[in-house]
Amino acid sequence: MDTVNVTEALLKAILELIEKCETLEELRDSVKRIMNEQIKSGAAENPHTHRPAHPKVSREP
């Protein structure tokens, strides 16, 4: 599947989730859950596709 098709599929899924979720928090959790599922299934097929998350930056002075 090429990048354009993946992007289009993700956008369609997000739009569908926006309609189904009642709060922003529900939407955020749903997107995170989908992305985690994709990473797990994709990493099993090609371990080089998973990118580590960015380190959290402390907002404290």
N, C-alpha and C. Protein backbone atom coordinates (compact mmCIF):
# COMPACT_ATOMS: atom_id res chain seq x y z
N MET A 1 0.85 -1.18 0.00
CA MET A 1 0.00 0.00 0.00
C MET A 1 0.90 1.24 0.00
N ASP A 2 0.64 2.16 -0.90
CA ASP A 2 1.50 3.34 -0.98
C ASP A 2 1.09 4.39 0.07
N THR A 3 1.93 5.39 0.22
CA THR A 3 1.75 6.41 1.25
C THR A 3 0.43 7.16 1.10
N VAL A 4 0.03 7.46 -0.12
CA VAL A 4 -1.22 8.19 -0.35
C VAL A 4 -2.40 7.37 0.13
N ASN A 5 -2.43 6.09 -0.17
CA ASN A 5 -3.54 5.24 0.26
C ASN A 5 -3.58 5.11 1.78
N VAL A 6 -2.43 5.00 2.42
CA VAL A 6 -2.37 4.90 3.87
C VAL A 6 -2.89 6.19 4.50
N THR A 7 -2.44 7.32 3.98
CA THR A 7 -2.88 8.62 4.49
C THR A 7 -4.38 8.78 4.34
N GLU A 8 -4.90 8.42 3.19
CA GLU A 8 -6.34 8.54 2.94
C GLU A 8 -7.12 7.64 3.89
N ALA A 9 -6.65 6.42 4.11
CA ALA A 9 -7.32 5.50 5.01
C ALA A 9 -7.31 6.03 6.45
N LEU A 10 -6.18 6.60 6.86
CA LEU A 10 -6.10 7.16 8.21
C LEU A 10 -7.04 8.35 8.38
N LEU A 11 -7.09 9.22 7.38
CA LEU A 11 -7.99 10.37 7.46
C LEU A 11 -9.44 9.95 7.52
N LYS A 12 -9.82 8.96 6.72
CA LYS A 12 -11.19 8.46 6.76
C LYS A 12 -11.52 7.88 8.12
N ALA A 13 -10.59 7.12 8.69
CA ALA A 13 -10.80 6.52 10.01
C ALA A 13 -10.95 7.60 11.08
N ILE A 14 -10.12 8.64 11.01
CA ILE A 14 -10.20 9.72 11.99
C ILE A 14 -11.53 10.46 11.87
N LEU A 15 -11.97 10.73 10.64
CA LEU A 15 -13.26 11.40 10.46
C LEU A 15 -14.40 10.56 11.02
N GLU A 16 -14.33 9.26 10.82
CA GLU A 16 -15.36 8.37 11.36
C GLU A 16 -15.34 8.39 12.88
N LEU A 17 -14.14 8.39 13.46
CA LEU A 17 -14.03 8.44 14.91
C LEU A 17 -14.58 9.76 15.47
N ILE A 18 -14.33 10.86 14.78
CA ILE A 18 -14.83 12.16 15.23
C ILE A 18 -16.34 12.12 15.35
N GLU A 19 -17.00 11.48 14.41
CA GLU A 19 -18.45 11.37 14.45
C GLU A 19 -18.93 10.50 15.60
N LYS A 20 -18.17 9.47 15.96
CA LYS A 20 -18.60 8.51 16.98
C LYS A 20 -18.23 8.92 18.40
N CYS A 21 -17.15 9.65 18.56
CA CYS A 21 -16.68 10.01 19.90
C CYS A 21 -17.40 11.26 20.41
N GLU A 22 -17.78 11.22 21.68
CA GLU A 22 -18.50 12.34 22.25
C GLU A 22 -17.57 13.41 22.81
N THR A 23 -16.36 13.03 23.21
CA THR A 23 -15.43 14.01 23.79
C THR A 23 -14.09 13.92 23.08
N LEU A 24 -13.32 14.97 23.23
CA LEU A 24 -11.97 14.98 22.66
C LEU A 24 -11.11 13.89 23.29
N GLU A 25 -11.31 13.64 24.57
CA GLU A 25 -10.54 12.60 25.26
C GLU A 25 -10.84 11.22 24.67
N GLU A 26 -12.11 10.94 24.37
CA GLU A 26 -12.47 9.67 23.73
C GLU A 26 -11.81 9.55 22.36
N LEU A 27 -11.82 10.64 21.61
CA LEU A 27 -11.18 10.64 20.29
C LEU A 27 -9.69 10.38 20.41
N ARG A 28 -9.05 11.07 21.33
CA ARG A 28 -7.61 10.91 21.53
C ARG A 28 -7.27 9.47 21.91
N ASP A 29 -8.04 8.89 22.84
CA ASP A 29 -7.79 7.51 23.26
C ASP A 29 -8.00 6.52 22.12
N SER A 30 -9.02 6.76 21.30
CA SER A 30 -9.28 5.87 20.17
C SER A 30 -8.15 5.91 19.15
N VAL A 31 -7.68 7.11 18.84
CA VAL A 31 -6.58 7.25 17.89
C VAL A 31 -5.33 6.58 18.43
N LYS A 32 -5.03 6.78 19.71
CA LYS A 32 -3.85 6.15 20.31
C LYS A 32 -3.96 4.63 20.25
N ARG A 33 -5.15 4.10 20.55
CA ARG A 33 -5.34 2.65 20.52
C ARG A 33 -5.13 2.10 19.11
N ILE A 34 -5.67 2.79 18.11
CA ILE A 34 -5.50 2.35 16.72
C ILE A 34 -4.03 2.39 16.32
N MET A 35 -3.35 3.47 16.67
CA MET A 35 -1.93 3.60 16.31
C MET A 35 -1.10 2.53 16.99
N ASN A 36 -1.40 2.22 18.25
CA ASN A 36 -0.66 1.16 18.95
C ASN A 36 -0.89 -0.19 18.29
N GLU A 37 -2.11 -0.45 17.84
CA GLU A 37 -2.40 -1.70 17.14
C GLU A 37 -1.64 -1.77 15.83
N GLN A 38 -1.57 -0.65 15.10
CA GLN A 38 -0.85 -0.60 13.83
C GLN A 38 0.65 -0.83 14.05
N ILE A 39 1.20 -0.21 15.08
CA ILE A 39 2.63 -0.37 15.36
C ILE A 39 2.94 -1.82 15.70
N LYS A 40 2.09 -2.43 16.52
CA LYS A 40 2.33 -3.82 16.91
C LYS A 40 2.24 -4.76 15.71
N SER A 41 1.24 -4.58 14.86
CA SER A 41 1.09 -5.47 13.71
C SER A 41 2.15 -5.18 12.66
N GLY A 42 2.50 -3.92 12.45
CA GLY A 42 3.52 -3.55 11.48
C GLY A 42 4.91 -3.97 11.93
N ALA A 43 5.18 -3.85 13.22
CA ALA A 43 6.50 -4.20 13.75
C ALA A 43 6.74 -5.70 13.60
N ALA A 44 5.68 -6.48 13.68
CA ALA A 44 5.84 -7.92 13.54
C ALA A 44 6.23 -8.28 12.10
N GLU A 45 5.72 -7.50 11.14
CA GLU A 45 6.03 -7.77 9.74
C GLU A 45 7.37 -7.18 9.32
N ASN A 46 7.64 -5.96 9.78
CA ASN A 46 8.87 -5.26 9.41
C ASN A 46 9.37 -4.47 10.60
N PRO A 47 10.34 -4.99 11.33
CA PRO A 47 10.80 -4.33 12.55
C PRO A 47 11.42 -2.96 12.31
N HIS A 48 11.75 -2.63 11.09
CA HIS A 48 12.39 -1.34 10.80
C HIS A 48 11.38 -0.22 10.61
N THR A 49 10.07 -0.53 10.61
CA THR A 49 9.07 0.51 10.39
C THR A 49 8.70 1.23 11.68
N HIS A 50 8.99 0.65 12.82
CA HIS A 50 8.63 1.27 14.09
C HIS A 50 9.66 2.31 14.48
N ARG A 51 9.16 3.51 14.75
CA ARG A 51 10.04 4.57 15.21
C ARG A 51 9.81 4.78 16.70
N PRO A 52 10.86 4.90 17.49
CA PRO A 52 10.65 5.15 18.92
C PRO A 52 9.99 6.51 19.15
N ALA A 53 9.23 6.59 20.20
CA ALA A 53 8.56 7.85 20.52
C ALA A 53 9.58 8.90 20.92
N HIS A 54 9.20 10.14 20.69
CA HIS A 54 10.08 11.24 21.12
C HIS A 54 10.12 11.28 22.62
N PRO A 55 11.28 11.60 23.20
CA PRO A 55 11.34 11.69 24.67
C PRO A 55 10.48 12.85 25.14
N LYS A 56 9.84 12.65 26.29
CA LYS A 56 9.01 13.73 26.84
C LYS A 56 9.91 14.83 27.36
N VAL A 57 9.49 16.04 27.09
CA VAL A 57 10.24 17.20 27.53
C VAL A 57 9.56 17.76 28.76
N SER A 58 10.32 17.96 29.80
CA SER A 58 9.78 18.52 31.03
C SER A 58 9.44 19.99 30.82
N ARG A 59 8.30 20.40 31.31
CA ARG A 59 7.89 21.80 31.20
C ARG A 59 8.27 22.60 32.45
N GLU A 60 8.89 21.94 33.39
CA GLU A 60 9.30 22.63 34.60
C GLU A 60 10.56 23.44 34.32
N PRO A 61 10.67 24.62 34.97
CA PRO A 61 11.87 25.45 34.72
C PRO A 61 13.14 24.85 35.27
